[in-house]
């Protein structure tokens, strides 16, 4: 099985750069049937939990990203748009690791 993973990398880049990186990852991995996928560990904003301490931490990180780099924290919908633009067939997001989520993108 070939898998590529990124931890807290994509949130430092804007959407255009993320799509470019994801396209390169997609080119480098085999099909889903052969075990290919990209594994990402990053923050996924969840607006449905606005009173949650995790949500406040996520917003703080998003503000930090806006101030320091061209990146941002993304919602589930924004992650889905990145994967669609990069040509992935589907993805799965599992909340884990506190405010971080495990994101699996399949070619």
PDB file of N, CA and C in Angstrom:
ATOM      1  N   UNK A   1       0.831  -1.175   0.000  1.00  0.00           N
ATOM      2  CA  UNK A   1       0.000   0.000   0.000  1.00  0.00           C
ATOM      3  C   UNK A   1       0.880   1.244   0.000  1.00  0.00           C
ATOM      4  N   UNK A   2       0.536   2.185  -0.833  1.00  0.00           N
ATOM      5  CA  UNK A   2       1.256   3.454  -0.868  1.00  0.00           C
ATOM      6  C   UNK A   2       0.373   4.520  -0.253  1.00  0.00           C
ATOM      7  N   UNK A   3       0.901   5.175   0.745  1.00  0.00           N
ATOM      8  CA  UNK A   3       0.154   6.251   1.399  1.00  0.00           C
ATOM      9  C   UNK A   3       1.103   7.416   1.614  1.00  0.00           C
ATOM     10  N   UNK A   4       0.588   8.592   1.402  1.00  0.00           N
ATOM     11  CA  UNK A   4       1.330   9.807   1.718  1.00  0.00           C
ATOM     12  C   UNK A   4       0.570  10.524   2.812  1.00  0.00           C
ATOM     13  N   UNK A   5       1.278  11.180   3.713  1.00  0.00           N
ATOM     14  CA  UNK A   5       0.577  11.882   4.767  1.00  0.00           C
ATOM     15  C   UNK A   5       1.215  13.244   5.003  1.00  0.00           C
ATOM     16  N   UNK A   6       0.377  14.124   5.506  1.00  0.00           N
ATOM     17  CA  UNK A   6       0.828  15.474   5.847  1.00  0.00           C
ATOM     18  C   UNK A   6       0.209  15.848   7.183  1.00  0.00           C
ATOM     19  N   UNK A   7       1.010  16.382   8.067  1.00  0.00           N
ATOM     20  CA  UNK A   7       0.489  16.805   9.359  1.00  0.00           C
ATOM     21  C   UNK A   7       0.697  18.303   9.508  1.00  0.00           C
ATOM     22  N   UNK A   8      -0.402  19.000   9.646  1.00  0.00           N
ATOM     23  CA  UNK A   8      -0.395  20.447   9.856  1.00  0.00           C
ATOM     24  C   UNK A   8       0.458  21.177   8.823  1.00  0.00           C
ATOM     25  N   UNK A   9       0.343  20.771   7.583  1.00  0.00           N
ATOM     26  CA  UNK A   9       1.085  21.415   6.505  1.00  0.00           C
ATOM     27  C   UNK A   9       0.150  22.251   5.637  1.00  0.00           C
ATOM     28  N   UNK A  10      -0.931  21.650   5.209  1.00  0.00           N
ATOM     29  CA  UNK A  10      -1.811  22.309   4.243  1.00  0.00           C
ATOM     30  C   UNK A  10      -2.464  23.570   4.795  1.00  0.00           C
ATOM     31  N   UNK A  11      -2.657  23.647   6.097  1.00  0.00           N
ATOM     32  CA  UNK A  11      -3.295  24.849   6.630  1.00  0.00           C
ATOM     33  C   UNK A  11      -2.407  26.090   6.548  1.00  0.00           C
ATOM     34  N   UNK A  12      -1.142  25.905   6.216  1.00  0.00           N
ATOM     35  CA  UNK A  12      -0.255  27.067   6.091  1.00  0.00           C
ATOM     36  C   UNK A  12      -0.273  27.661   4.681  1.00  0.00           C
ATOM     37  N   UNK A  13      -0.983  27.000   3.756  1.00  0.00           N
ATOM     38  CA  UNK A  13      -1.022  27.459   2.373  1.00  0.00           C
ATOM     39  C   UNK A  13      -2.421  27.869   1.949  1.00  0.00           C
ATOM     40  N   UNK A  14      -2.485  28.720   0.938  1.00  0.00           N
ATOM     41  CA  UNK A  14      -3.787  29.121   0.392  1.00  0.00           C
ATOM     42  C   UNK A  14      -4.365  27.971  -0.438  1.00  0.00           C
ATOM     43  N   UNK A  15      -5.618  28.129  -0.860  1.00  0.00           N
ATOM     44  CA  UNK A  15      -6.313  27.058  -1.576  1.00  0.00           C
ATOM     45  C   UNK A  15      -5.603  26.644  -2.861  1.00  0.00           C
ATOM     46  N   UNK A  16      -5.122  27.599  -3.615  1.00  0.00           N
ATOM     47  CA  UNK A  16      -4.456  27.302  -4.891  1.00  0.00           C
ATOM     48  C   UNK A  16      -3.217  26.427  -4.672  1.00  0.00           C
ATOM     49  N   UNK A  17      -2.415  26.762  -3.684  1.00  0.00           N
ATOM     50  CA  UNK A  17      -1.212  25.976  -3.394  1.00  0.00           C
ATOM     51  C   UNK A  17      -1.586  24.585  -2.876  1.00  0.00           C
ATOM     52  N   UNK A  18      -2.629  24.493  -2.061  1.00  0.00           N
ATOM     53  CA  UNK A  18      -3.070  23.194  -1.552  1.00  0.00           C
ATOM     54  C   UNK A  18      -3.528  22.284  -2.683  1.00  0.00           C
ATOM     55  N   UNK A  19      -4.286  22.832  -3.614  1.00  0.00           N
ATOM     56  CA  UNK A  19      -4.754  22.037  -4.749  1.00  0.00           C
ATOM     57  C   UNK A  19      -3.560  21.526  -5.550  1.00  0.00           C
ATOM     58  N   UNK A  20      -2.560  22.377  -5.746  1.00  0.00           N
ATOM     59  CA  UNK A  20      -1.363  21.974  -6.496  1.00  0.00           C
ATOM     60  C   UNK A  20      -0.654  20.818  -5.789  1.00  0.00           C
ATOM     61  N   UNK A  21      -0.480  20.907  -4.482  1.00  0.00           N
ATOM     62  CA  UNK A  21       0.174  19.852  -3.716  1.00  0.00           C
ATOM     63  C   UNK A  21      -0.658  18.573  -3.752  1.00  0.00           C
ATOM     64  N   UNK A  22      -1.965  18.701  -3.563  1.00  0.00           N
ATOM     65  CA  UNK A  22      -2.834  17.522  -3.580  1.00  0.00           C
ATOM     66  C   UNK A  22      -2.837  16.830  -4.946  1.00  0.00           C
ATOM     67  N   UNK A  23      -2.773  17.606  -6.025  1.00  0.00           N
ATOM     68  CA  UNK A  23      -2.702  17.010  -7.366  1.00  0.00           C
ATOM     69  C   UNK A  23      -1.425  16.194  -7.517  1.00  0.00           C
ATOM     70  N   UNK A  24      -0.311  16.724  -7.017  1.00  0.00           N
ATOM     71  CA  UNK A  24       0.962  16.003  -7.081  1.00  0.00           C
ATOM     72  C   UNK A  24       0.893  14.713  -6.255  1.00  0.00           C
ATOM     73  N   UNK A  25       0.262  14.789  -5.091  1.00  0.00           N
ATOM     74  CA  UNK A  25       0.097  13.593  -4.265  1.00  0.00           C
ATOM     75  C   UNK A  25      -0.742  12.557  -5.000  1.00  0.00           C
ATOM     76  N   UNK A  26      -1.812  13.002  -5.631  1.00  0.00           N
ATOM     77  CA  UNK A  26      -2.701  12.095  -6.365  1.00  0.00           C
ATOM     78  C   UNK A  26      -1.950  11.410  -7.503  1.00  0.00           C
ATOM     79  N   UNK A  27      -1.105  12.150  -8.194  1.00  0.00           N
ATOM     80  CA  UNK A  27      -0.307  11.579  -9.279  1.00  0.00           C
ATOM     81  C   UNK A  27       0.661  10.511  -8.766  1.00  0.00           C
ATOM     82  N   UNK A  28       1.127  10.665  -7.534  1.00  0.00           N
ATOM     83  CA  UNK A  28       2.173   9.791  -6.997  1.00  0.00           C
ATOM     84  C   UNK A  28       1.640   8.500  -6.377  1.00  0.00           C
ATOM     85  N   UNK A  29       0.349   8.415  -6.128  1.00  0.00           N
ATOM     86  CA  UNK A  29      -0.183   7.233  -5.448  1.00  0.00           C
ATOM     87  C   UNK A  29      -0.952   6.335  -6.414  1.00  0.00           C
ATOM     88  N   UNK A  30      -1.035   5.044  -6.078  1.00  0.00           N
ATOM     89  CA  UNK A  30      -1.821   4.137  -6.919  1.00  0.00           C
ATOM     90  C   UNK A  30      -3.321   4.360  -6.699  1.00  0.00           C
ATOM     91  N   UNK A  31      -4.120   3.618  -7.413  1.00  0.00           N
ATOM     92  CA  UNK A  31      -5.574   3.734  -7.288  1.00  0.00           C
ATOM     93  C   UNK A  31      -6.031   3.315  -5.895  1.00  0.00           C
ATOM     94  N   UNK A  32      -7.260   3.665  -5.567  1.00  0.00           N
ATOM     95  CA  UNK A  32      -7.823   3.279  -4.273  1.00  0.00           C
ATOM     96  C   UNK A  32      -7.840   1.757  -4.145  1.00  0.00           C
ATOM     97  N   UNK A  33      -8.166   1.063  -5.228  1.00  0.00           N
ATOM     98  CA  UNK A  33      -8.235  -0.395  -5.215  1.00  0.00           C
ATOM     99  C   UNK A  33      -6.884  -1.032  -4.875  1.00  0.00           C
ATOM    100  N   UNK A  34      -5.824  -0.330  -5.183  1.00  0.00           N
ATOM    101  CA  UNK A  34      -4.477  -0.824  -4.874  1.00  0.00           C
ATOM    102  C   UNK A  34      -3.953  -0.254  -3.553  1.00  0.00           C
ATOM    103  N   UNK A  35      -4.835   0.393  -2.790  1.00  0.00           N
ATOM    104  CA  UNK A  35      -4.461   0.883  -1.463  1.00  0.00           C
ATOM    105  C   UNK A  35      -3.990   2.319  -1.411  1.00  0.00           C
ATOM    106  N   UNK A  36      -4.078   3.046  -2.503  1.00  0.00           N
ATOM    107  CA  UNK A  36      -3.602   4.429  -2.512  1.00  0.00           C
ATOM    108  C   UNK A  36      -4.538   5.373  -1.769  1.00  0.00           C
ATOM    109  N   UNK A  37      -3.953   6.225  -0.965  1.00  0.00           N
ATOM    110  CA  UNK A  37      -4.701   7.309  -0.317  1.00  0.00           C
ATOM    111  C   UNK A  37      -3.711   8.304   0.269  1.00  0.00           C
ATOM    112  N   UNK A  38      -4.205   9.508   0.491  1.00  0.00           N
ATOM    113  CA  UNK A  38      -3.418  10.548   1.142  1.00  0.00           C
ATOM    114  C   UNK A  38      -4.007  10.726   2.537  1.00  0.00           C
ATOM    115  N   UNK A  39      -3.157  10.728   3.539  1.00  0.00           N
ATOM    116  CA  UNK A  39      -3.595  10.898   4.917  1.00  0.00           C
ATOM    117  C   UNK A  39      -3.128  12.268   5.396  1.00  0.00           C
ATOM    118  N   UNK A  40      -4.071  13.042   5.899  1.00  0.00           N
ATOM    119  CA  UNK A  40      -3.782  14.403   6.362  1.00  0.00           C
ATOM    120  C   UNK A  40      -4.244  14.519   7.810  1.00  0.00           C
ATOM    121  N   UNK A  41      -3.408  15.094   8.654  1.00  0.00           N
ATOM    122  CA  UNK A  41      -3.811  15.406  10.020  1.00  0.00           C
ATOM    123  C   UNK A  41      -3.789  16.923  10.128  1.00  0.00           C
ATOM    124  N   UNK A  42      -4.963  17.487  10.315  1.00  0.00           N
ATOM    125  CA  UNK A  42      -5.066  18.943  10.357  1.00  0.00           C
ATOM    126  C   UNK A  42      -6.355  19.346  11.057  1.00  0.00           C
ATOM    127  N   UNK A  43      -6.520  20.613  11.288  1.00  0.00           N
ATOM    128  CA  UNK A  43      -7.727  21.144  11.922  1.00  0.00           C
ATOM    129  C   UNK A  43      -8.848  21.197  10.886  1.00  0.00           C
ATOM    130  N   UNK A  44     -10.037  20.779  11.305  1.00  0.00           N
ATOM    131  CA  UNK A  44     -11.240  20.918  10.489  1.00  0.00           C
ATOM    132  C   UNK A  44     -12.231  21.706  11.343  1.00  0.00           C
ATOM    133  N   UNK A  45     -12.536  22.929  10.925  1.00  0.00           N
ATOM    134  CA  UNK A  45     -13.463  23.765  11.680  1.00  0.00           C
ATOM    135  C   UNK A  45     -14.852  23.133  11.662  1.00  0.00           C
ATOM    136  N   UNK A  46     -15.500  23.142  12.809  1.00  0.00           N
ATOM    137  CA  UNK A  46     -16.842  22.598  12.925  1.00  0.00           C
ATOM    138  C   UNK A  46     -17.738  23.676  13.510  1.00  0.00           C
ATOM    139  N   UNK A  47     -18.425  24.409  12.640  1.00  0.00           N
ATOM    140  CA  UNK A  47     -19.251  25.538  13.073  1.00  0.00           C
ATOM    141  C   UNK A  47     -20.451  25.113  13.899  1.00  0.00           C
ATOM    142  N   UNK A  48     -20.783  23.826  13.902  1.00  0.00           N
ATOM    143  CA  UNK A  48     -21.927  23.356  14.675  1.00  0.00           C
ATOM    144  C   UNK A  48     -21.616  23.281  16.157  1.00  0.00           C
ATOM    145  N   UNK A  49     -20.370  23.412  16.528  1.00  0.00           N
ATOM    146  CA  UNK A  49     -19.963  23.321  17.930  1.00  0.00           C
ATOM    147  C   UNK A  49     -19.432  24.661  18.426  1.00  0.00           C
ATOM    148  N   UNK A  50     -20.165  25.723  18.142  1.00  0.00           N
ATOM    149  CA  UNK A  50     -19.651  27.067  18.428  1.00  0.00           C
ATOM    150  C   UNK A  50     -19.390  27.323  19.904  1.00  0.00           C
ATOM    151  N   UNK A  51     -20.068  26.624  20.811  1.00  0.00           N
ATOM    152  CA  UNK A  51     -19.854  26.833  22.237  1.00  0.00           C
ATOM    153  C   UNK A  51     -18.735  25.967  22.796  1.00  0.00           C
ATOM    154  N   UNK A  52     -18.216  25.110  21.991  1.00  0.00           N
ATOM    155  CA  UNK A  52     -17.201  24.152  22.379  1.00  0.00           C
ATOM    156  C   UNK A  52     -15.833  24.832  22.509  1.00  0.00           C
ATOM    157  N   UNK A  53     -15.053  24.422  23.504  1.00  0.00           N
ATOM    158  CA  UNK A  53     -13.703  24.974  23.667  1.00  0.00           C
ATOM    159  C   UNK A  53     -12.830  24.660  22.458  1.00  0.00           C
ATOM    160  N   UNK A  54     -13.025  23.487  21.855  1.00  0.00           N
ATOM    161  CA  UNK A  54     -12.272  23.132  20.666  1.00  0.00           C
ATOM    162  C   UNK A  54     -12.546  24.117  19.540  1.00  0.00           C
ATOM    163  N   UNK A  55     -13.797  24.534  19.400  1.00  0.00           N
ATOM    164  CA  UNK A  55     -14.140  25.479  18.340  1.00  0.00           C
ATOM    165  C   UNK A  55     -13.421  26.801  18.562  1.00  0.00           C
ATOM    166  N   UNK A  56     -13.375  27.270  19.790  1.00  0.00           N
ATOM    167  CA  UNK A  56     -12.667  28.519  20.086  1.00  0.00           C
ATOM    168  C   UNK A  56     -11.175  28.378  19.784  1.00  0.00           C
ATOM    169  N   UNK A  57     -10.606  27.226  20.104  1.00  0.00           N
ATOM    170  CA  UNK A  57      -9.194  26.990  19.792  1.00  0.00           C
ATOM    171  C   UNK A  57      -8.974  26.977  18.283  1.00  0.00           C
ATOM    172  N   UNK A  58      -9.904  26.378  17.546  1.00  0.00           N
ATOM    173  CA  UNK A  58      -9.809  26.348  16.093  1.00  0.00           C
ATOM    174  C   UNK A  58      -9.842  27.757  15.520  1.00  0.00           C
ATOM    175  N   UNK A  59     -10.730  28.594  16.029  1.00  0.00           N
ATOM    176  CA  UNK A  59     -10.804  29.970  15.549  1.00  0.00           C
ATOM    177  C   UNK A  59      -9.532  30.743  15.875  1.00  0.00           C
ATOM    178  N   UNK A  60      -8.955  30.488  17.041  1.00  0.00           N
ATOM    179  CA  UNK A  60      -7.690  31.132  17.395  1.00  0.00           C
ATOM    180  C   UNK A  60      -6.610  30.736  16.394  1.00  0.00           C
ATOM    181  N   UNK A  61      -6.535  29.446  16.056  1.00  0.00           N
ATOM    182  CA  UNK A  61      -5.552  28.993  15.074  1.00  0.00           C
ATOM    183  C   UNK A  61      -5.807  29.622  13.710  1.00  0.00           C
ATOM    184  N   UNK A  62      -7.066  29.767  13.338  1.00  0.00           N
ATOM    185  CA  UNK A  62      -7.393  30.377  12.055  1.00  0.00           C
ATOM    186  C   UNK A  62      -6.922  31.824  12.019  1.00  0.00           C
ATOM    187  N   UNK A  63      -7.130  32.553  13.083  1.00  0.00           N
ATOM    188  CA  UNK A  63      -6.671  33.938  13.170  1.00  0.00           C
ATOM    189  C   UNK A  63      -5.152  34.002  13.086  1.00  0.00           C
ATOM    190  N   UNK A  64      -4.488  33.078  13.744  1.00  0.00           N
ATOM    191  CA  UNK A  64      -3.033  33.014  13.695  1.00  0.00           C
ATOM    192  C   UNK A  64      -2.555  32.764  12.266  1.00  0.00           C
ATOM    193  N   UNK A  65      -3.199  31.830  11.581  1.00  0.00           N
ATOM    194  CA  UNK A  65      -2.830  31.535  10.188  1.00  0.00           C
ATOM    195  C   UNK A  65      -2.996  32.774   9.309  1.00  0.00           C
ATOM    196  N   UNK A  66      -4.087  33.481   9.482  1.00  0.00           N
ATOM    197  CA  UNK A  66      -4.336  34.686   8.679  1.00  0.00           C
ATOM    198  C   UNK A  66      -3.268  35.756   8.922  1.00  0.00           C
ATOM    199  N   UNK A  67      -2.771  35.819  10.151  1.00  0.00           N
ATOM    200  CA  UNK A  67      -1.793  36.853  10.493  1.00  0.00           C
ATOM    201  C   UNK A  67      -0.374  36.505  10.046  1.00  0.00           C
ATOM    202  N   UNK A  68      -0.031  35.229  10.035  1.00  0.00           N
ATOM    203  CA  UNK A  68       1.358  34.840   9.801  1.00  0.00           C
ATOM    204  C   UNK A  68       1.663  34.306   8.403  1.00  0.00           C
ATOM    205  N   UNK A  69       0.738  33.592   7.812  1.00  0.00           N
ATOM    206  CA  UNK A  69       0.973  32.939   6.517  1.00  0.00           C
ATOM    207  C   UNK A  69      -0.277  33.091   5.650  1.00  0.00           C
ATOM    208  N   UNK A  70      -0.194  32.746   4.380  1.00  0.00           N
ATOM    209  CA  UNK A  70      -1.374  32.888   3.520  1.00  0.00           C
ATOM    210  C   UNK A  70      -2.412  31.784   3.722  1.00  0.00           C
ATOM    211  N   UNK A  71      -2.178  30.860   4.658  1.00  0.00           N
ATOM    212  CA  UNK A  71      -3.085  29.741   4.868  1.00  0.00           C
ATOM    213  C   UNK A  71      -4.251  30.084   5.759  1.00  0.00           C
ATOM    214  N   UNK A  72      -5.029  29.041   6.083  1.00  0.00           N
ATOM    215  CA  UNK A  72      -6.199  29.202   6.941  1.00  0.00           C
ATOM    216  C   UNK A  72      -6.655  27.836   7.425  1.00  0.00           C
ATOM    217  N   UNK A  73      -7.444  27.844   8.482  1.00  0.00           N
ATOM    218  CA  UNK A  73      -8.108  26.619   8.909  1.00  0.00           C
ATOM    219  C   UNK A  73      -9.352  26.481   8.041  1.00  0.00           C
ATOM    220  N   UNK A  74      -9.771  25.251   7.758  1.00  0.00           N
ATOM    221  CA  UNK A  74     -10.855  25.022   6.802  1.00  0.00           C
ATOM    222  C   UNK A  74     -11.990  24.226   7.420  1.00  0.00           C
ATOM    223  N   UNK A  75     -13.197  24.468   6.922  1.00  0.00           N
ATOM    224  CA  UNK A  75     -14.372  23.699   7.309  1.00  0.00           C
ATOM    225  C   UNK A  75     -14.404  22.400   6.512  1.00  0.00           C
ATOM    226  N   UNK A  76     -15.315  21.505   6.861  1.00  0.00           N
ATOM    227  CA  UNK A  76     -15.473  20.258   6.108  1.00  0.00           C
ATOM    228  C   UNK A  76     -15.778  20.560   4.638  1.00  0.00           C
ATOM    229  N   UNK A  77     -16.611  21.555   4.414  1.00  0.00           N
ATOM    230  CA  UNK A  77     -16.986  21.924   3.042  1.00  0.00           C
ATOM    231  C   UNK A  77     -15.769  22.443   2.268  1.00  0.00           C
ATOM    232  N   UNK A  78     -14.938  23.251   2.907  1.00  0.00           N
ATOM    233  CA  UNK A  78     -13.747  23.786   2.235  1.00  0.00           C
ATOM    234  C   UNK A  78     -12.743  22.676   1.921  1.00  0.00           C
ATOM    235  N   UNK A  79     -12.579  21.706   2.837  1.00  0.00           N
ATOM    236  CA  UNK A  79     -11.707  20.561   2.543  1.00  0.00           C
ATOM    237  C   UNK A  79     -12.256  19.792   1.353  1.00  0.00           C
ATOM    238  N   UNK A  80     -13.571  19.566   1.335  1.00  0.00           N
ATOM    239  CA  UNK A  80     -14.194  18.828   0.228  1.00  0.00           C
ATOM    240  C   UNK A  80     -13.936  19.525  -1.105  1.00  0.00           C
ATOM    241  N   UNK A  81     -14.022  20.852  -1.119  1.00  0.00           N
ATOM    242  CA  UNK A  81     -13.764  21.605  -2.354  1.00  0.00           C
ATOM    243  C   UNK A  81     -12.320  21.437  -2.821  1.00  0.00           C
ATOM    244  N   UNK A  82     -11.376  21.438  -1.886  1.00  0.00           N
ATOM    245  CA  UNK A  82      -9.967  21.228  -2.254  1.00  0.00           C
ATOM    246  C   UNK A  82      -9.772  19.857  -2.901  1.00  0.00           C
ATOM    247  N   UNK A  83     -10.352  18.835  -2.296  1.00  0.00           N
ATOM    248  CA  UNK A  83     -10.198  17.486  -2.835  1.00  0.00           C
ATOM    249  C   UNK A  83     -10.861  17.354  -4.201  1.00  0.00           C
ATOM    250  N   UNK A  84     -12.015  17.970  -4.356  1.00  0.00           N
ATOM    251  CA  UNK A  84     -12.710  17.936  -5.652  1.00  0.00           C
ATOM    252  C   UNK A  84     -11.851  18.601  -6.730  1.00  0.00           C
ATOM    253  N   UNK A  85     -11.320  19.784  -6.418  1.00  0.00           N
ATOM    254  CA  UNK A  85     -10.491  20.506  -7.386  1.00  0.00           C
ATOM    255  C   UNK A  85      -9.204  19.757  -7.718  1.00  0.00           C
ATOM    256  N   UNK A  86      -8.698  18.985  -6.776  1.00  0.00           N
ATOM    257  CA  UNK A  86      -7.470  18.227  -6.997  1.00  0.00           C
ATOM    258  C   UNK A  86      -7.737  16.890  -7.702  1.00  0.00           C
ATOM    259  N   UNK A  87      -9.004  16.553  -7.900  1.00  0.00           N
ATOM    260  CA  UNK A  87      -9.343  15.344  -8.655  1.00  0.00           C
ATOM    261  C   UNK A  87      -9.526  14.079  -7.843  1.00  0.00           C
ATOM    262  N   UNK A  88      -9.677  14.197  -6.528  1.00  0.00           N
ATOM    263  CA  UNK A  88      -9.893  13.013  -5.708  1.00  0.00           C
ATOM    264  C   UNK A  88     -11.350  12.561  -5.829  1.00  0.00           C
ATOM    265  N   UNK A  89     -11.575  11.246  -5.760  1.00  0.00           N
ATOM    266  CA  UNK A  89     -12.925  10.712  -5.921  1.00  0.00           C
ATOM    267  C   UNK A  89     -13.765  10.905  -4.666  1.00  0.00           C
ATOM    268  N   UNK A  90     -13.159  10.751  -3.515  1.00  0.00           N
ATOM    269  CA  UNK A  90     -13.869  10.997  -2.258  1.00  0.00           C
ATOM    270  C   UNK A  90     -12.870  11.085  -1.106  1.00  0.00           C
ATOM    271  N   UNK A  91     -13.408  11.461   0.044  1.00  0.00           N
ATOM    272  CA  UNK A  91     -12.569  11.598   1.226  1.00  0.00           C
ATOM    273  C   UNK A  91     -13.384  11.258   2.466  1.00  0.00           C
ATOM    274  N   UNK A  92     -12.673  11.084   3.569  1.00  0.00           N
ATOM    275  CA  UNK A  92     -13.328  10.809   4.847  1.00  0.00           C
ATOM    276  C   UNK A  92     -12.624  11.630   5.921  1.00  0.00           C
ATOM    277  N   UNK A  93     -13.413  12.261   6.790  1.00  0.00           N
ATOM    278  CA  UNK A  93     -12.860  13.054   7.888  1.00  0.00           C
ATOM    279  C   UNK A  93     -13.303  12.427   9.207  1.00  0.00           C
ATOM    280  N   UNK A  94     -12.332  12.149  10.068  1.00  0.00           N
ATOM    281  CA  UNK A  94     -12.617  11.592  11.381  1.00  0.00           C
ATOM    282  C   UNK A  94     -12.000  12.505  12.424  1.00  0.00           C
ATOM    283  N   UNK A  95     -12.837  13.045  13.313  1.00  0.00           N
ATOM    284  CA  UNK A  95     -12.300  13.915  14.356  1.00  0.00           C
ATOM    285  C   UNK A  95     -11.493  13.068  15.331  1.00  0.00           C
ATOM    286  N   UNK A  96     -10.299  13.511  15.599  1.00  0.00           N
ATOM    287  CA  UNK A  96      -9.392  12.795  16.495  1.00  0.00           C
ATOM    288  C   UNK A  96      -8.341  13.755  17.003  1.00  0.00           C
ATOM    289  N   UNK A  97      -7.556  13.335  17.936  1.00  0.00           N
ATOM    290  CA  UNK A  97      -6.414  14.124  18.397  1.00  0.00           C
ATOM    291  C   UNK A  97      -6.792  15.524  18.857  1.00  0.00           C
ATOM    292  N   UNK A  98      -7.817  15.663  19.684  1.00  0.00           N
ATOM    293  CA  UNK A  98      -8.232  16.975  20.183  1.00  0.00           C
ATOM    294  C   UNK A  98      -8.867  17.810  19.107  1.00  0.00           C
ATOM    295  N   UNK A  99      -8.243  18.934  18.748  1.00  0.00           N
ATOM    296  CA  UNK A  99      -8.832  19.815  17.732  1.00  0.00           C
ATOM    297  C   UNK A  99      -8.467  19.398  16.316  1.00  0.00           C
ATOM    298  N   UNK A 100      -7.638  18.384  16.203  1.00  0.00           N
ATOM    299  CA  UNK A 100      -7.216  17.922  14.881  1.00  0.00           C
ATOM    300  C   UNK A 100      -8.088  16.764  14.404  1.00  0.00           C
ATOM    301  N   UNK A 101      -8.113  16.602  13.097  1.00  0.00           N
ATOM    302  CA  UNK A 101      -8.862  15.514  12.486  1.00  0.00           C
ATOM    303  C   UNK A 101      -7.959  14.699  11.577  1.00  0.00           C
ATOM    304  N   UNK A 102      -8.342  13.455  11.388  1.00  0.00           N
ATOM    305  CA  UNK A 102      -7.687  12.572  10.435  1.00  0.00           C
ATOM    306  C   UNK A 102      -8.491  12.650   9.146  1.00  0.00           C
ATOM    307  N   UNK A 103      -7.837  13.053   8.063  1.00  0.00           N
ATOM    308  CA  UNK A 103      -8.510  13.205   6.771  1.00  0.00           C
ATOM    309  C   UNK A 103      -7.866  12.207   5.814  1.00  0.00           C
ATOM    310  N   UNK A 104      -8.694  11.391   5.170  1.00  0.00           N
ATOM    311  CA  UNK A 104      -8.219  10.423   4.194  1.00  0.00           C
ATOM    312  C   UNK A 104      -8.815  10.797   2.843  1.00  0.00           C
ATOM    313  N   UNK A 105      -7.973  11.003   1.850  1.00  0.00           N
ATOM    314  CA  UNK A 105      -8.414  11.365   0.496  1.00  0.00           C
ATOM    315  C   UNK A 105      -8.030  10.247  -0.457  1.00  0.00           C
ATOM    316  N   UNK A 106      -9.011   9.817  -1.255  1.00  0.00           N
ATOM    317  CA  UNK A 106      -8.821   8.676  -2.145  1.00  0.00           C
ATOM    318  C   UNK A 106      -8.844   9.119  -3.612  1.00  0.00           C
ATOM    319  N   UNK A 107      -7.902   8.543  -4.403  1.00  0.00           N
ATOM    320  CA  UNK A 107      -7.856   8.913  -5.827  1.00  0.00           C
ATOM    321  C   UNK A 107      -9.074   8.379  -6.593  1.00  0.00           C
TER     322      UNK A 107
END
